[in-house]
Protein backbone atom coordinates (compact mmCIF):
# COMPACT_ATOMS: atom_id res chain seq x y z
CA UNK A 1 124.73 49.39 230.09
CA UNK A 2 125.80 51.89 227.44
CA UNK A 3 122.67 51.75 225.29
CA UNK A 4 120.37 51.82 228.33
CA UNK A 5 122.21 54.69 229.99
CA UNK A 6 122.50 56.71 226.80
CA UNK A 7 118.76 56.52 226.27
CA UNK A 8 118.07 57.27 229.94
CA UNK A 9 120.34 60.29 230.23
CA UNK A 10 119.22 61.72 226.88
CA UNK A 11 115.66 61.75 228.20
CA UNK A 12 116.79 63.12 231.58
CA UNK A 13 118.44 66.01 229.74
CA UNK A 14 115.38 66.42 227.48
CA UNK A 15 117.45 66.05 224.32
CA UNK A 16 116.45 64.68 220.94
CA UNK A 17 118.80 62.25 219.20
CA UNK A 18 119.85 65.07 216.87
CA UNK A 19 120.64 67.37 219.81
CA UNK A 20 122.56 64.59 221.57
CA UNK A 21 124.54 63.91 218.41
CA UNK A 22 125.44 67.60 218.12
CA UNK A 23 126.70 67.74 221.71
CA UNK A 24 128.79 64.58 221.23
CA UNK A 25 130.13 65.63 217.84
CA UNK A 26 128.77 62.56 216.03
CA UNK A 27 126.03 61.79 213.50
CA UNK A 28 122.42 61.40 214.63
CA UNK A 29 122.27 57.90 213.11
CA UNK A 30 125.06 56.85 215.47
CA UNK A 31 123.06 57.89 218.53
CA UNK A 32 120.20 55.67 217.35
CA UNK A 33 122.60 52.80 216.68
CA UNK A 34 124.14 53.14 220.16
CA UNK A 35 120.75 53.26 221.89
CA UNK A 36 119.56 50.17 220.03
CA UNK A 37 122.80 48.28 220.71
CA UNK A 38 123.65 47.95 217.01
CA UNK A 39 127.03 49.66 217.43
CA UNK A 40 129.49 50.40 220.22
CA UNK A 41 130.92 53.90 220.78
CA UNK A 42 134.64 54.58 220.55
CA UNK A 43 136.51 55.48 223.73
CA UNK A 44 136.57 59.19 222.87
CA UNK A 45 132.78 59.20 222.46
CA UNK A 46 132.31 57.35 225.76
CA UNK A 47 134.42 59.96 227.54
CA UNK A 48 132.35 62.74 226.00
CA UNK A 49 129.15 60.99 227.12
CA UNK A 50 130.37 60.63 230.70
CA UNK A 51 131.32 64.30 230.84
CA UNK A 52 128.00 65.39 229.37
CA UNK A 53 126.02 63.29 231.87
CA UNK A 54 128.22 64.29 234.81
CA UNK A 55 129.10 60.69 235.68
CA UNK A 56 132.26 58.59 235.68
CA UNK A 57 133.25 56.51 232.69
CA UNK A 58 133.11 53.40 234.85
CA UNK A 59 129.54 54.21 235.94
CA UNK A 60 128.48 54.77 232.34
CA UNK A 61 129.40 51.23 231.32
CA UNK A 62 128.58 49.31 234.53
CA UNK A 63 125.62 51.02 236.26
CA UNK A 64 122.01 50.84 235.13
CA UNK A 65 120.81 54.34 236.03
CA UNK A 66 117.29 53.63 234.76
CA UNK A 67 116.72 51.43 237.84
CA UNK A 68 117.83 54.05 240.33
CA UNK A 69 115.16 56.19 241.98
CA UNK A 70 117.41 59.23 242.11
CA UNK A 71 119.84 58.82 239.24
CA UNK A 72 121.18 62.37 239.34
CA UNK A 73 122.06 62.17 243.03
CA UNK A 74 123.72 58.78 242.50
CA UNK A 75 125.72 60.16 239.60
CA UNK A 76 126.93 63.13 241.61
CA UNK A 77 127.99 60.83 244.47
CA UNK A 78 129.94 58.54 242.15
CA UNK A 79 131.63 61.50 240.50
CA UNK A 80 132.67 62.89 243.89
CA UNK A 81 134.02 59.52 244.99
CA UNK A 82 136.03 59.24 241.80
CA UNK A 83 137.58 62.66 242.38
CA UNK A 84 138.55 61.74 245.95
CA UNK A 85 140.00 58.34 245.05
CA UNK A 86 143.77 58.15 244.52
CA UNK A 87 144.85 57.88 240.90
CA UNK A 88 148.10 55.91 240.98
CA UNK A 89 148.01 54.82 237.37
CA UNK A 90 150.21 55.20 234.32
CA UNK A 91 147.92 58.00 233.21
CA UNK A 92 149.20 60.19 236.05
CA UNK A 93 152.75 60.21 234.67
CA UNK A 94 154.04 62.67 232.05
CA UNK A 95 152.78 61.69 228.63
CA UNK A 96 150.14 59.33 230.01
CA UNK A 97 147.22 61.71 230.46
CA UNK A 98 143.95 60.76 228.80
CA UNK A 99 143.41 62.67 225.57
CA UNK A 100 140.11 62.79 223.73
CA UNK A 101 140.68 62.02 220.04
CA UNK A 102 138.10 63.21 217.54
CA UNK A 103 137.68 61.02 214.46
CA UNK A 104 135.32 60.28 211.58
CA UNK A 105 133.83 57.02 210.31
CA UNK A 106 132.38 55.81 207.02
CA UNK A 107 128.93 54.30 206.43
CA UNK A 108 130.10 50.93 207.74
CA UNK A 109 131.47 52.47 210.96
CA UNK A 110 135.07 51.99 209.82
CA UNK A 111 137.43 54.75 210.88
CA UNK A 112 138.61 57.04 208.10
CA UNK A 113 142.14 58.27 207.58
CA UNK A 114 141.81 62.06 207.53
CA UNK A 115 144.36 63.91 205.39
CA UNK A 116 145.81 67.17 206.73
CA UNK A 117 147.27 69.03 203.71
CA UNK A 118 150.05 71.60 204.15
CA UNK A 119 147.57 74.45 203.62
CA UNK A 120 145.41 73.10 206.47
CA UNK A 121 148.28 72.58 208.92
CA UNK A 122 147.77 75.88 210.77
CA UNK A 123 144.03 75.27 211.10
CA UNK A 124 144.63 71.77 212.47
CA UNK A 125 146.11 73.22 215.67
CA UNK A 126 142.72 74.78 216.41
CA UNK A 127 140.49 72.08 214.96
CA UNK A 128 142.20 68.78 215.81
CA UNK A 129 139.54 68.04 218.47
CA UNK A 130 136.60 69.43 216.49
CA UNK A 131 134.60 66.74 214.63
CA UNK A 132 133.14 69.38 212.31
CA UNK A 133 136.63 70.48 211.26
CA UNK A 134 137.68 66.88 210.62
CA UNK A 135 134.57 66.30 208.52
CA UNK A 136 135.85 68.92 206.08
CA UNK A 137 139.22 67.21 205.57
CA UNK A 138 139.82 64.75 202.69
CA UNK A 139 139.44 61.12 203.78
CA UNK A 140 140.61 57.75 202.52
CA UNK A 141 141.30 54.20 203.70
CA UNK A 142 144.34 51.92 203.46
CA UNK A 143 143.25 48.32 204.18
CA UNK A 144 146.89 47.23 204.42
CA UNK A 145 147.22 49.11 207.72
CA UNK A 146 144.66 46.86 209.39
CA UNK A 147 142.20 47.91 212.09
CA UNK A 148 144.56 48.08 215.08
CA UNK A 149 144.75 51.75 215.88
CA UNK A 150 143.57 55.10 214.60
CA UNK A 151 145.40 56.62 211.63
CA UNK A 152 145.76 60.13 210.23
CA UNK A 153 147.78 61.47 207.29
CA UNK A 154 149.85 64.66 207.18
CA UNK A 155 151.47 66.33 204.17
CA UNK A 156 154.94 67.41 205.28
CA UNK A 157 156.94 70.44 204.15
CA UNK A 158 160.70 70.97 203.95
CA UNK A 159 163.74 68.76 203.42
CA UNK A 160 164.68 67.96 207.02
CA UNK A 161 163.81 64.26 206.58
CA UNK A 162 165.45 63.53 203.23
CA UNK A 163 165.25 61.31 201.22
CA UNK A 164 161.55 61.72 202.10
CA UNK A 165 160.79 64.82 200.05
CA UNK A 166 158.66 67.86 200.81
CA UNK A 167 155.04 67.22 199.87
CA UNK A 168 155.13 63.56 200.95
CA UNK A 169 152.10 62.35 202.88
CA UNK A 170 153.03 60.56 206.10
CA UNK A 171 150.41 58.16 207.50
CA UNK A 172 150.69 57.93 211.27
CA UNK A 173 149.08 55.80 213.97
CA UNK A 174 147.83 57.68 217.02
CA UNK A 175 150.06 57.27 220.08
CA UNK A 176 148.19 57.40 223.39
CA UNK A 177 151.08 56.28 225.62
CA UNK A 178 153.94 58.69 224.99
CA UNK A 179 156.13 57.02 227.60
CA UNK A 180 156.26 53.92 225.42
CA UNK A 181 157.82 55.67 222.41
CA UNK A 182 161.15 54.04 221.54
CA UNK A 183 164.18 56.16 220.69
CA UNK A 184 164.54 56.85 216.98
CA UNK A 185 160.87 56.31 216.15
CA UNK A 186 159.76 58.51 213.22
CA UNK A 187 156.69 60.48 214.28
CA UNK A 188 154.44 63.36 213.37
CA UNK A 189 154.43 65.70 216.37
CA UNK A 190 151.70 68.30 216.74
CA UNK A 191 152.60 71.11 219.15
CA UNK A 192 151.57 74.66 219.92
CA UNK A 193 154.97 76.20 219.18
CA UNK A 194 156.33 74.03 216.38
CA UNK A 195 153.07 73.23 214.61
CA UNK A 196 153.15 69.95 212.67
CA UNK A 197 156.63 68.45 212.22
CA UNK A 198 157.98 65.09 211.08
CA UNK A 199 161.00 63.97 213.12
CA UNK A 200 162.65 61.04 214.83
CA UNK A 201 161.73 61.09 218.51
CA UNK A 202 164.09 60.34 221.37
CA UNK A 203 162.16 59.86 224.59
CA UNK A 204 163.23 62.04 227.53
CA UNK A 205 159.88 62.16 229.29
CA UNK A 206 160.74 60.25 232.47
CA UNK A 207 163.87 62.26 233.28
CA UNK A 208 163.29 65.71 231.79
CA UNK A 209 159.64 65.82 230.58
CA UNK A 210 161.08 66.52 227.13
CA UNK A 211 161.15 64.98 223.68
CA UNK A 212 164.34 65.28 221.62
CA UNK A 213 163.55 65.69 217.92
CA UNK A 214 166.13 64.69 215.27
CA UNK A 215 166.11 65.16 211.50
CA UNK A 216 167.45 62.60 209.05
CA UNK A 217 169.04 65.46 207.11
CA UNK A 218 172.35 66.20 208.95
CA UNK A 219 172.10 69.89 208.01
CA UNK A 220 169.38 70.29 210.64
CA UNK A 221 170.36 70.31 214.31
CA UNK A 222 168.38 68.31 216.91
CA UNK A 223 166.25 70.22 219.39
CA UNK A 224 164.04 69.51 222.39
CA UNK A 225 160.38 70.21 222.97
CA UNK A 226 158.56 70.45 226.30
CA UNK A 227 155.92 67.74 226.77
CA UNK A 228 153.43 70.38 227.96
CA UNK A 229 153.54 71.92 224.47
CA UNK A 230 152.77 68.64 222.70
CA UNK A 231 149.19 68.13 221.53
CA UNK A 232 149.34 64.86 219.58
CA UNK A 233 151.90 62.28 218.47
CA UNK A 234 151.39 59.99 215.46
CA UNK A 235 153.89 57.19 214.83
CA UNK A 236 154.78 57.05 211.12
CA UNK A 237 153.62 53.78 209.56
CA UNK A 238 153.58 54.52 205.82
CA UNK A 239 154.15 57.31 203.34
CA UNK A 240 152.69 58.30 199.97
CA UNK A 241 154.79 60.28 197.51
CA UNK A 242 154.81 61.18 193.84
CA UNK A 243 158.59 61.75 194.04
CA UNK A 244 160.82 58.69 193.72
CA UNK A 245 164.11 58.69 195.67
CA UNK A 246 167.11 59.83 193.59
CA UNK A 247 169.62 57.06 193.06
CA UNK A 248 173.12 57.58 194.45
CA UNK A 249 175.18 57.46 191.23
CA UNK A 250 178.45 56.99 193.10
CA UNK A 251 177.12 53.80 194.70
CA UNK A 252 175.78 52.64 191.32
CA UNK A 253 179.23 53.09 189.74
CA UNK A 254 180.88 51.30 192.67
CA UNK A 255 178.51 48.36 192.33
CA UNK A 256 179.28 48.19 188.59
CA UNK A 257 183.04 48.13 189.28
CA UNK A 258 182.65 45.35 191.88
CA UNK A 259 180.55 43.30 189.46
CA UNK A 260 183.13 43.78 186.71
CA UNK A 261 185.93 42.64 189.05
CA UNK A 262 183.95 39.57 190.05
CA UNK A 263 183.50 38.63 186.40
CA UNK A 264 187.23 39.10 185.71
CA UNK A 265 188.18 36.91 188.68
CA UNK A 266 185.73 34.25 187.52
CA UNK A 267 187.29 34.32 184.02
CA UNK A 268 190.83 34.02 185.44
CA UNK A 269 189.86 30.97 187.49
CA UNK A 270 188.59 29.22 184.39
CA UNK A 271 191.91 29.87 182.65
């Protein structure tokens, strides 16, 4: 019903495809593709549509409003019923609330990986949900990551996660279920107070509504962050760096000594 309802509600609201695209934060060509059934909207776009039309997400995808004599009244009734219905789902628990994720796509409707450089980190806190802001960010694709999930890249600063050096780009996969994060998972955490940080996450959501953040560099002490302050979490899946890890010379010497001893023992056995 998506293409039928999109076309119906756009006309009900007296909007052109360009105006609809502007309100949804997408390209005009996408509106045409959705109305003609040539492409399917992402979840975030569907949520934005439902909010714009004043209907539930379920009604948007299952109800043909073009066949209803009084579509607006029906939409209002369904919205009221949805608000009155109990919501005993995982989304009602801490870290499970629905978050609308803005993203960009290429000409073939493949999701881009947007890069957030260090100099754009402060602006990201205000523009993370703004499609126009994301359009201005550098974009690339990594086919090796596959198509399961939405990815974004962040250039990190500081030495708290050595041997991953400052300036490294961490590619993260968007985490929508925070309760499912396993202890020790390296993540990019976006929060109002801390900004953008790269840490290992220890999940304390069920008991304390907190996340414990640990650095790999022992010089940095762990700390906790309130879940209410967290905006986004991206699980680290890859990194890009122009700095190669520095070899531990002590271990290299030890390995050389062990190899030398092995060769001596082998020679003695032959004698």
